[in-house]
PDB file of N, CA and C in Angstrom:
ATOM      1  N   MET A   1     110.772 110.574  85.298  1.00  0.00           N
ATOM      2  CA  MET A   1     110.855 110.995  87.288  1.00  0.00           C
ATOM      3  C   MET A   1     112.217 110.562  88.200  1.00  0.00           C
ATOM      4  N   LEU A   2     112.839 109.821  86.971  1.00  0.00           N
ATOM      5  CA  LEU A   2     114.144 109.553  87.791  1.00  0.00           C
ATOM      6  C   LEU A   2     115.126 110.779  87.796  1.00  0.00           C
ATOM      7  N   GLY A   3     114.801 111.703  86.918  1.00  0.00           N
ATOM      8  CA  GLY A   3     115.439 113.102  86.814  1.00  0.00           C
ATOM      9  C   GLY A   3     116.940 112.708  85.617  1.00  0.00           C
ATOM     10  N   GLY A   4     116.560 111.354  84.938  1.00  0.00           N
ATOM     11  CA  GLY A   4     118.460 110.592  84.002  1.00  0.00           C
ATOM     12  C   GLY A   4     118.843 110.254  84.879  1.00  0.00           C
ATOM     13  N   ARG A   5     118.571 109.756  86.390  1.00  0.00           N
ATOM     14  CA  ARG A   5     119.023 108.720  86.860  1.00  0.00           C
ATOM     15  C   ARG A   5     118.802 107.165  86.945  1.00  0.00           C
ATOM     16  N   SER A   6     119.544 106.305  86.845  1.00  0.00           N
ATOM     17  CA  SER A   6     119.110 104.637  86.917  1.00  0.00           C
ATOM     18  C   SER A   6     118.185 104.291  88.576  1.00  0.00           C
ATOM     19  N   TRP A   7     117.667 103.761  88.574  1.00  0.00           N
ATOM     20  CA  TRP A   7     117.656 103.364  90.100  1.00  0.00           C
ATOM     21  C   TRP A   7     118.775 103.207  90.879  1.00  0.00           C
ATOM     22  N   ASP A   8     119.930 102.879  90.529  1.00  0.00           N
ATOM     23  CA  ASP A   8     120.782 102.262  91.020  1.00  0.00           C
ATOM     24  C   ASP A   8     121.301 103.506  91.607  1.00  0.00           C
ATOM     25  N   ASP A   9     121.605 104.025  90.779  1.00  0.00           N
ATOM     26  CA  ASP A   9     122.565 105.988  91.236  1.00  0.00           C
ATOM     27  C   ASP A   9     121.140 106.069  92.516  1.00  0.00           C
ATOM     28  N   TRP A  10     120.460 105.916  92.357  1.00  0.00           N
ATOM     29  CA  TRP A  10     119.345 106.973  93.098  1.00  0.00           C
ATOM     30  C   TRP A  10     119.657 106.220  95.040  1.00  0.00           C
ATOM     31  N   VAL A  11     119.728 104.634  94.512  1.00  0.00           N
ATOM     32  CA  VAL A  11     119.680 103.969  95.689  1.00  0.00           C
ATOM     33  C   VAL A  11     121.695 103.994  96.114  1.00  0.00           C
ATOM     34  N   ARG A  12     121.994 104.511  95.512  1.00  0.00           N
ATOM     35  CA  ARG A  12     123.238 104.985  96.298  1.00  0.00           C
ATOM     36  C   ARG A  12     123.506 105.890  97.024  1.00  0.00           C
ATOM     37  N   ARG A  13     122.563 107.022  96.162  1.00  0.00           N
ATOM     38  CA  ARG A  13     123.066 108.489  96.458  1.00  0.00           C
ATOM     39  C   ARG A  13     122.106 108.072  98.503  1.00  0.00           C
ATOM     40  N   TYR A  14     120.894 107.463  98.547  1.00  0.00           N
ATOM     41  CA  TYR A  14     120.041 107.308  99.443  1.00  0.00           C
ATOM     42  C   TYR A  14     121.234 106.536 100.881  1.00  0.00           C
ATOM     43  N   GLU A  15     121.724 105.734  99.932  1.00  0.00           N
ATOM     44  CA  GLU A  15     122.204 105.159 100.962  1.00  0.00           C
ATOM     45  C   GLU A  15     124.105 105.563 101.549  1.00  0.00           C
ATOM     46  N   VAL A  16     124.199 107.258 101.505  1.00  0.00           N
ATOM     47  CA  VAL A  16     124.980 107.733 101.705  1.00  0.00           C
ATOM     48  C   VAL A  16     123.988 108.651 103.308  1.00  0.00           C
ATOM     49  N   SER A  17     122.648 108.635 103.197  1.00  0.00           N
ATOM     50  CA  SER A  17     122.060 108.878 104.114  1.00  0.00           C
ATOM     51  C   SER A  17     122.063 108.109 105.582  1.00  0.00           C
ATOM     52  N   HIS A  18     122.746 106.621 105.142  1.00  0.00           N
ATOM     53  CA  HIS A  18     121.997 105.551 105.674  1.00  0.00           C
ATOM     54  C   HIS A  18     123.155 104.282 106.555  1.00  0.00           C
ATOM     55  N   ARG A  19     124.138 105.156 106.965  1.00  0.00           N
ATOM     56  CA  ARG A  19     125.439 104.845 107.056  1.00  0.00           C
ATOM     57  C   ARG A  19     125.175 103.912 108.481  1.00  0.00           C
ATOM     58  N   HIS A  20     124.628 104.635 109.866  1.00  0.00           N
ATOM     59  CA  HIS A  20     125.131 104.430 110.886  1.00  0.00           C
ATOM     60  C   HIS A  20     123.960 102.970 111.304  1.00  0.00           C
ATOM     61  N   PRO A  21     123.843 102.034 112.172  1.00  0.00           N
ATOM     62  CA  PRO A  21     123.645 101.039 112.591  1.00  0.00           C
ATOM     63  C   PRO A  21     122.038 101.106 112.883  1.00  0.00           C
ATOM     64  N   VAL A  22     122.214 102.047 113.810  1.00  0.00           N
ATOM     65  CA  VAL A  22     120.766 101.920 114.208  1.00  0.00           C
ATOM     66  C   VAL A  22     119.771 103.140 113.208  1.00  0.00           C
ATOM     67  N   ASN A  23     120.137 103.904 112.060  1.00  0.00           N
ATOM     68  CA  ASN A  23     119.464 103.921 111.525  1.00  0.00           C
ATOM     69  C   ASN A  23     118.856 103.309 110.421  1.00  0.00           C
ATOM     70  N   ARG A  24     120.053 102.407 109.756  1.00  0.00           N
ATOM     71  CA  ARG A  24     119.352 101.256 108.968  1.00  0.00           C
ATOM     72  C   ARG A  24     118.653 100.384 109.898  1.00  0.00           C
ATOM     73  N   LEU A  25     118.872  99.647 110.647  1.00  0.00           N
ATOM     74  CA  LEU A  25     118.228  99.103 111.176  1.00  0.00           C
ATOM     75  C   LEU A  25     116.537  99.535 111.588  1.00  0.00           C
ATOM     76  N   CYS A  26     115.979 100.943 111.907  1.00  0.00           N
ATOM     77  CA  CYS A  26     115.638 101.365 111.894  1.00  0.00           C
ATOM     78  C   CYS A  26     114.531 101.522 110.400  1.00  0.00           C
ATOM     79  N   HIS A  27     115.129 102.140 109.649  1.00  0.00           N
ATOM     80  CA  HIS A  27     114.669 101.632 108.145  1.00  0.00           C
ATOM     81  C   HIS A  27     114.738 100.225 107.529  1.00  0.00           C
ATOM     82  N   THR A  28     115.035  99.158 108.230  1.00  0.00           N
ATOM     83  CA  THR A  28     114.733  97.938 107.954  1.00  0.00           C
ATOM     84  C   THR A  28     113.315  97.194 108.009  1.00  0.00           C
ATOM     85  N   PHE A  29     113.045  98.082 109.590  1.00  0.00           N
ATOM     86  CA  PHE A  29     111.834  97.507 110.169  1.00  0.00           C
ATOM     87  C   PHE A  29     110.989  98.716 109.705  1.00  0.00           C
ATOM     88  N   GLY A  30     110.809  99.862 109.890  1.00  0.00           N
ATOM     89  CA  GLY A  30     109.933 101.447 109.432  1.00  0.00           C
ATOM     90  C   GLY A  30     109.518 101.051 107.842  1.00  0.00           C
ATOM     91  N   ILE A  31     110.609 100.771 106.743  1.00  0.00           N
ATOM     92  CA  ILE A  31     109.969 100.873 105.669  1.00  0.00           C
ATOM     93  C   ILE A  31     108.937  99.583 105.449  1.00  0.00           C
ATOM     94  N   PRO A  32     108.407  98.637 105.674  1.00  0.00           N
ATOM     95  CA  PRO A  32     108.093  97.437 105.950  1.00  0.00           C
ATOM     96  C   PRO A  32     106.951  97.677 106.220  1.00  0.00           C
ATOM     97  N   LEU A  33     107.271  98.169 107.710  1.00  0.00           N
ATOM     98  CA  LEU A  33     105.801  99.436 108.182  1.00  0.00           C
ATOM     99  C   LEU A  33     105.054  99.945 107.672  1.00  0.00           C
ATOM    100  N   ILE A  34     105.777 101.194 106.922  1.00  0.00           N
ATOM    101  CA  ILE A  34     104.900 101.642 106.412  1.00  0.00           C
ATOM    102  C   ILE A  34     104.428 101.170 105.042  1.00  0.00           C
ATOM    103  N   VAL A  35     104.818 100.922 104.247  1.00  0.00           N
ATOM    104  CA  VAL A  35     104.559  99.779 103.148  1.00  0.00           C
ATOM    105  C   VAL A  35     103.035  98.963 103.810  1.00  0.00           C
ATOM    106  N   LEU A  36     103.446  98.252 104.453  1.00  0.00           N
ATOM    107  CA  LEU A  36     102.070  97.606 104.816  1.00  0.00           C
ATOM    108  C   LEU A  36     100.850  98.146 105.562  1.00  0.00           C
ATOM    109  N   SER A  37     101.394  99.371 106.238  1.00  0.00           N
ATOM    110  CA  SER A  37     100.184  99.662 106.232  1.00  0.00           C
ATOM    111  C   SER A  37      99.135 100.482 105.038  1.00  0.00           C
ATOM    112  N   LEU A  38      99.669 100.902 104.676  1.00  0.00           N
ATOM    113  CA  LEU A  38      98.880 101.358 102.630  1.00  0.00           C
ATOM    114  C   LEU A  38      97.861 100.194 101.928  1.00  0.00           C
ATOM    115  N   PRO A  39      98.206  99.495 101.875  1.00  0.00           N
ATOM    116  CA  PRO A  39      97.010  98.407 101.375  1.00  0.00           C
ATOM    117  C   PRO A  39      96.331  98.420 102.938  1.00  0.00           C
ATOM    118  N   LEU A  40      96.686  98.341 104.338  1.00  0.00           N
ATOM    119  CA  LEU A  40      95.612  98.133 105.216  1.00  0.00           C
ATOM    120  C   LEU A  40      94.789  99.270 105.166  1.00  0.00           C
ATOM    121  N   PHE A  41      94.873 100.554 104.903  1.00  0.00           N
ATOM    122  CA  PHE A  41      94.269 101.538 104.899  1.00  0.00           C
ATOM    123  C   PHE A  41      93.103 101.476 103.946  1.00  0.00           C
ATOM    124  N   ALA A  42      93.597 100.764 102.616  1.00  0.00           N
ATOM    125  CA  ALA A  42      92.352 100.412 101.618  1.00  0.00           C
ATOM    126  C   ALA A  42      91.194  99.028 102.164  1.00  0.00           C
ATOM    127  N   ALA A  43      91.699  99.012 103.070  1.00  0.00           N
ATOM    128  CA  ALA A  43      90.868  97.295 103.885  1.00  0.00           C
ATOM    129  C   ALA A  43      90.267  98.163 104.656  1.00  0.00           C
ATOM    130  N   ALA A  44      90.319  99.027 105.459  1.00  0.00           N
ATOM    131  CA  ALA A  44      90.214  99.498 106.592  1.00  0.00           C
ATOM    132  C   ALA A  44      88.489 100.546 105.658  1.00  0.00           C
ATOM    133  N   TRP A  45      88.460 100.440 104.493  1.00  0.00           N
ATOM    134  CA  TRP A  45      87.236 101.398 104.049  1.00  0.00           C
ATOM    135  C   TRP A  45      86.121 100.309 104.137  1.00  0.00           C
ATOM    136  N   LEU A  46      86.255  98.798 104.419  1.00  0.00           N
ATOM    137  CA  LEU A  46      85.474  97.678 103.896  1.00  0.00           C
ATOM    138  C   LEU A  46      85.322  97.184 105.521  1.00  0.00           C
ATOM    139  N   VAL A  47      86.204  97.777 106.812  1.00  0.00           N
ATOM    140  CA  VAL A  47      85.866  96.687 108.093  1.00  0.00           C
ATOM    141  C   VAL A  47      86.252  98.119 108.612  1.00  0.00           C
ATOM    142  N   HIS A  48      84.640  98.046 109.752  1.00  0.00           N
ATOM    143  CA  HIS A  48      84.715  99.417 110.933  1.00  0.00           C
ATOM    144  C   HIS A  48      85.551  98.941 112.206  1.00  0.00           C
ATOM    145  N   GLY A  49      86.295 100.284 111.768  1.00  0.00           N
ATOM    146  CA  GLY A  49      86.906 100.236 113.324  1.00  0.00           C
ATOM    147  C   GLY A  49      88.535 100.063 113.052  1.00  0.00           C
ATOM    148  N   PHE A  50      88.737  99.538 111.658  1.00  0.00           N
ATOM    149  CA  PHE A  50      89.740  98.876 111.667  1.00  0.00           C
ATOM    150  C   PHE A  50      90.647  99.593 111.074  1.00  0.00           C
ATOM    151  N   TRP A  51      91.156 100.793 110.648  1.00  0.00           N
ATOM    152  CA  TRP A  51      91.359 102.143 110.375  1.00  0.00           C
ATOM    153  C   TRP A  51      92.749 102.200 111.548  1.00  0.00           C
ATOM    154  N   ILE A  52      92.848 102.083 112.447  1.00  0.00           N
ATOM    155  CA  ILE A  52      93.067 102.060 113.730  1.00  0.00           C
ATOM    156  C   ILE A  52      94.346 101.382 113.236  1.00  0.00           C
ATOM    157  N   VAL A  53      94.298  99.861 113.220  1.00  0.00           N
ATOM    158  CA  VAL A  53      95.977  99.078 112.670  1.00  0.00           C
ATOM    159  C   VAL A  53      96.853  99.637 111.564  1.00  0.00           C
ATOM    160  N   PRO A  54      96.322 100.096 110.975  1.00  0.00           N
ATOM    161  CA  PRO A  54      97.020 100.685 109.394  1.00  0.00           C
ATOM    162  C   PRO A  54      97.296 102.025 110.243  1.00  0.00           C
ATOM    163  N   ALA A  55      96.857 102.377 110.996  1.00  0.00           N
ATOM    164  CA  ALA A  55      97.301 104.348 111.251  1.00  0.00           C
ATOM    165  C   ALA A  55      98.657 103.409 112.253  1.00  0.00           C
ATOM    166  N   VAL A  56      98.380 103.057 113.388  1.00  0.00           N
ATOM    167  CA  VAL A  56      99.841 103.046 114.140  1.00  0.00           C
ATOM    168  C   VAL A  56     100.954 101.864 113.534  1.00  0.00           C
ATOM    169  N   LEU A  57     100.430 101.221 112.196  1.00  0.00           N
ATOM    170  CA  LEU A  57     101.614 100.866 111.788  1.00  0.00           C
ATOM    171  C   LEU A  57     102.208 101.908 110.217  1.00  0.00           C
ATOM    172  N   PHE A  58     101.736 103.064 110.143  1.00  0.00           N
ATOM    173  CA  PHE A  58     102.073 103.711 109.295  1.00  0.00           C
ATOM    174  C   PHE A  58     103.236 104.718 110.066  1.00  0.00           C
ATOM    175  N   ILE A  59     102.237 105.289 111.302  1.00  0.00           N
ATOM    176  CA  ILE A  59     103.171 106.217 112.582  1.00  0.00           C
ATOM    177  C   ILE A  59     103.998 105.616 113.074  1.00  0.00           C
ATOM    178  N   ALA A  60     104.175 103.938 113.296  1.00  0.00           N
ATOM    179  CA  ALA A  60     105.310 103.852 113.430  1.00  0.00           C
ATOM    180  C   ALA A  60     106.225 103.740 112.992  1.00  0.00           C
ATOM    181  N   GLY A  61     106.315 103.110 111.490  1.00  0.00           N
ATOM    182  CA  GLY A  61     106.963 102.882 110.694  1.00  0.00           C
ATOM    183  C   GLY A  61     108.002 104.403 110.236  1.00  0.00           C
ATOM    184  N   TRP A  62     106.785 105.889 110.303  1.00  0.00           N
ATOM    185  CA  TRP A  62     107.639 107.153 110.129  1.00  0.00           C
ATOM    186  C   TRP A  62     108.289 107.007 111.263  1.00  0.00           C
ATOM    187  N   ALA A  63     107.711 106.911 112.599  1.00  0.00           N
ATOM    188  CA  ALA A  63     109.479 107.458 113.716  1.00  0.00           C
ATOM    189  C   ALA A  63     109.837 106.558 113.574  1.00  0.00           C
ATOM    190  N   LEU A  64     110.413 104.971 113.260  1.00  0.00           N
ATOM    191  CA  LEU A  64     111.537 105.149 113.818  1.00  0.00           C
ATOM    192  C   LEU A  64     112.128 105.104 112.376  1.00  0.00           C
ATOM    193  N   GLN A  65     112.030 105.259 111.290  1.00  0.00           N
ATOM    194  CA  GLN A  65     112.737 106.286 110.800  1.00  0.00           C
ATOM    195  C   GLN A  65     113.679 107.632 110.602  1.00  0.00           C
ATOM    196  N   PHE A  66     112.420 108.627 111.191  1.00  0.00           N
ATOM    197  CA  PHE A  66     112.856 110.108 111.595  1.00  0.00           C
ATOM    198  C   PHE A  66     113.407 109.646 113.077  1.00  0.00           C
ATOM    199  N   ILE A  67     113.716 108.406 113.824  1.00  0.00           N
ATOM    200  CA  ILE A  67     114.223 108.000 115.559  1.00  0.00           C
ATOM    201  C   ILE A  67     115.721 108.212 114.193  1.00  0.00           C
ATOM    202  N   GLY A  68     115.745 106.953 113.394  1.00  0.00           N
ATOM    203  CA  GLY A  68     117.327 106.585 112.404  1.00  0.00           C
ATOM    204  C   GLY A  68     117.837 108.036 112.095  1.00  0.00           C
ATOM    205  N   HIS A  69     116.930 108.895 111.557  1.00  0.00           N
ATOM    206  CA  HIS A  69     117.744 109.979 111.334  1.00  0.00           C
ATOM    207  C   HIS A  69     118.297 110.475 112.195  1.00  0.00           C
ATOM    208  N   VAL A  70     117.780 111.109 113.240  1.00  0.00           N
ATOM    209  CA  VAL A  70     118.104 111.808 114.456  1.00  0.00           C
ATOM    210  C   VAL A  70     119.694 111.508 114.467  1.00  0.00           C
ATOM    211  N   VAL A  71     119.193 109.477 114.612  1.00  0.00           N
ATOM    212  CA  VAL A  71     121.011 109.596 115.744  1.00  0.00           C
ATOM    213  C   VAL A  71     121.802 109.142 114.204  1.00  0.00           C
ATOM    214  N   GLU A  72     121.819 109.395 113.117  1.00  0.00           N
ATOM    215  CA  GLU A  72     122.078 109.126 112.222  1.00  0.00           C
ATOM    216  C   GLU A  72     122.902 111.022 111.507  1.00  0.00           C
ATOM    217  N   GLY A  73     122.271 111.888 112.446  1.00  0.00           N
ATOM    218  CA  GLY A  73     122.298 113.081 112.510  1.00  0.00           C
ATOM    219  C   GLY A  73     122.665 113.877 111.234  1.00  0.00           C
ATOM    220  N   LYS A  74     121.670 113.138 110.153  1.00  0.00           N
ATOM    221  CA  LYS A  74     121.221 114.011 109.174  1.00  0.00           C
ATOM    222  C   LYS A  74     119.623 113.800 108.557  1.00  0.00           C
ATOM    223  N   PRO A  75     119.079 115.209 108.112  1.00  0.00           N
ATOM    224  CA  PRO A  75     117.927 114.273 107.539  1.00  0.00           C
ATOM    225  C   PRO A  75     117.528 113.276 106.271  1.00  0.00           C
ATOM    226  N   PRO A  76     116.191 113.577 106.142  1.00  0.00           N
ATOM    227  CA  PRO A  76     115.934 112.113 105.290  1.00  0.00           C
ATOM    228  C   PRO A  76     116.215 113.181 104.033  1.00  0.00           C
ATOM    229  N   GLU A  77     116.111 112.422 102.826  1.00  0.00           N
ATOM    230  CA  GLU A  77     117.051 112.501 101.644  1.00  0.00           C
ATOM    231  C   GLU A  77     115.731 113.385 101.064  1.00  0.00           C
ATOM    232  N   PHE A  78     114.649 112.958 101.334  1.00  0.00           N
ATOM    233  CA  PHE A  78     113.051 113.057 100.693  1.00  0.00           C
ATOM    234  C   PHE A  78     112.732 114.833 101.237  1.00  0.00           C
ATOM    235  N   PHE A  79     113.592 115.126 102.495  1.00  0.00           N
ATOM    236  CA  PHE A  79     113.681 116.683 102.797  1.00  0.00           C
ATOM    237  C   PHE A  79     114.474 117.465 101.327  1.00  0.00           C
ATOM    238  N   HIS A  80     115.007 116.740 101.001  1.00  0.00           N
ATOM    239  CA  HIS A  80     115.278 117.361  99.330  1.00  0.00           C
ATOM    240  C   HIS A  80     115.309 117.152  98.084  1.00  0.00           C
ATOM    241  N   ASP A  81     114.676 116.406  98.356  1.00  0.00           N
ATOM    242  CA  ASP A  81     114.135 115.852  96.531  1.00  0.00           C
ATOM    243  C   ASP A  81     112.688 114.771  97.235  1.00  0.00           C
ATOM    244  N   TRP A  82     111.766 114.991  97.142  1.00  0.00           N
ATOM    245  CA  TRP A  82     110.533 114.014  96.514  1.00  0.00           C
ATOM    246  C   TRP A  82     110.712 113.184  96.240  1.00  0.00           C
ATOM    247  N   ARG A  83     111.398 112.661  95.456  1.00  0.00           N
ATOM    248  CA  ARG A  83     111.735 111.458  94.670  1.00  0.00           C
ATOM    249  C   ARG A  83     111.988 110.408  95.928  1.00  0.00           C
ATOM    250  N   PHE A  84     113.087 110.832  96.794  1.00  0.00           N
ATOM    251  CA  PHE A  84     113.536 109.821  97.338  1.00  0.00           C
ATOM    252  C   PHE A  84     112.371 109.471  98.526  1.00  0.00           C
ATOM    253  N   LEU A  85     111.508 109.229  98.706  1.00  0.00           N
ATOM    254  CA  LEU A  85     110.170 108.962  99.063  1.00  0.00           C
ATOM    255  C   LEU A  85     110.154 106.906  98.389  1.00  0.00           C
ATOM    256  N   PHE A  86     110.349 107.466  97.230  1.00  0.00           N
ATOM    257  CA  PHE A  86     110.176 106.234  96.635  1.00  0.00           C
ATOM    258  C   PHE A  86     111.306 105.449  96.162  1.00  0.00           C
ATOM    259  N   VAL A  87     112.200 105.633  96.962  1.00  0.00           N
ATOM    260  CA  VAL A  87     114.047 105.239  96.675  1.00  0.00           C
ATOM    261  C   VAL A  87     114.091 104.184  97.618  1.00  0.00           C
ATOM    262  N   GLY A  88     113.368 104.458  99.079  1.00  0.00           N
ATOM    263  CA  GLY A  88     113.342 103.521 100.595  1.00  0.00           C
ATOM    264  C   GLY A  88     113.283 102.285 100.234  1.00  0.00           C
ATOM    265  N   LEU A  89     111.855 101.757  99.225  1.00  0.00           N
ATOM    266  CA  LEU A  89     111.544 100.801  99.481  1.00  0.00           C
ATOM    267  C   LEU A  89     112.694 100.056  98.312  1.00  0.00           C
ATOM    268  N   ARG A  90     112.964 100.134  97.116  1.00  0.00           N
ATOM    269  CA  ARG A  90     113.965 100.002  97.001  1.00  0.00           C
ATOM    270  C   ARG A  90     115.399  99.768  96.817  1.00  0.00           C
ATOM    271  N   TRP A  91     114.986 100.724  98.274  1.00  0.00           N
ATOM    272  CA  TRP A  91     116.934 100.755  99.335  1.00  0.00           C
ATOM    273  C   TRP A  91     116.510  99.498  99.617  1.00  0.00           C
ATOM    274  N   TRP A  92     115.754  99.063 100.625  1.00  0.00           N
ATOM    275  CA  TRP A  92     115.085  98.753 101.676  1.00  0.00           C
ATOM    276  C   TRP A  92     115.555  96.767 100.981  1.00  0.00           C
ATOM    277  N   VAL A  93     114.380  96.826  99.402  1.00  0.00           N
ATOM    278  CA  VAL A  93     114.577  95.170  98.683  1.00  0.00           C
ATOM    279  C   VAL A  93     116.547  94.921  98.693  1.00  0.00           C
ATOM    280  N   ALA A  94     117.295  95.821  98.246  1.00  0.00           N
ATOM    281  CA  ALA A  94     118.361  95.920  98.042  1.00  0.00           C
ATOM    282  C   ALA A  94     119.068  95.216  98.906  1.00  0.00           C
ATOM    283  N   LYS A  95     119.034  96.134 100.410  1.00  0.00           N
ATOM    284  CA  LYS A  95     119.301  95.816 101.688  1.00  0.00           C
ATOM    285  C   LYS A  95     119.012  94.283 102.035  1.00  0.00           C
ATOM    286  N   VAL A  96     118.152  93.805 101.553  1.00  0.00           N
ATOM    287  CA  VAL A  96     116.832  92.564 101.788  1.00  0.00           C
ATOM    288  C   VAL A  96     117.983  90.976 101.060  1.00  0.00           C
ATOM    289  N   ARG A  97     117.953  92.118  99.903  1.00  0.00           N
ATOM    290  CA  ARG A  97     118.829  91.070  99.226  1.00  0.00           C
ATOM    291  C   ARG A  97     120.508  91.144  99.191  1.00  0.00           C
ATOM    292  N   GLY A  98     121.214  91.536 100.043  1.00  0.00           N
ATOM    293  CA  GLY A  98     122.678  91.830 100.422  1.00  0.00           C
ATOM    294  C   GLY A  98     123.115  92.809  98.971  1.00  0.00           C
ATOM    295  N   ARG A  99     122.147  93.496  98.781  1.00  0.00           N
ATOM    296  CA  ARG A  99     123.516  94.583  97.762  1.00  0.00           C
ATOM    297  C   ARG A  99     123.366  95.929  97.900  1.00  0.00           C
ATOM    298  N   VAL A 100     122.965  96.645  99.302  1.00  0.00           N
ATOM    299  CA  VAL A 100     123.964  97.562 100.130  1.00  0.00           C
ATOM    300  C   VAL A 100     124.398  97.171 101.361  1.00  0.00           C
TER     301      VAL A 100
END
């Protein structure tokens, strides 16, 4: 799945499209919102009417990411390679740890 590249290589390439401070800030909040929404969608199957919470988080997370890319002036990397959909979370973890 990684196409012969290490996770570090993928994160470095992802980093190139995420230089602008506003884009980085948008991704810093947008990625966790999307990740949080996913298990909440599963919980929504059990709680009537709860689906709105994960839906709002998911939409807000993606909106932040696209706003960031408008400011950056570059399209999201996953437009070029779908595997970048899985790199964003790794980038976020590296960012939180101070490694990018």
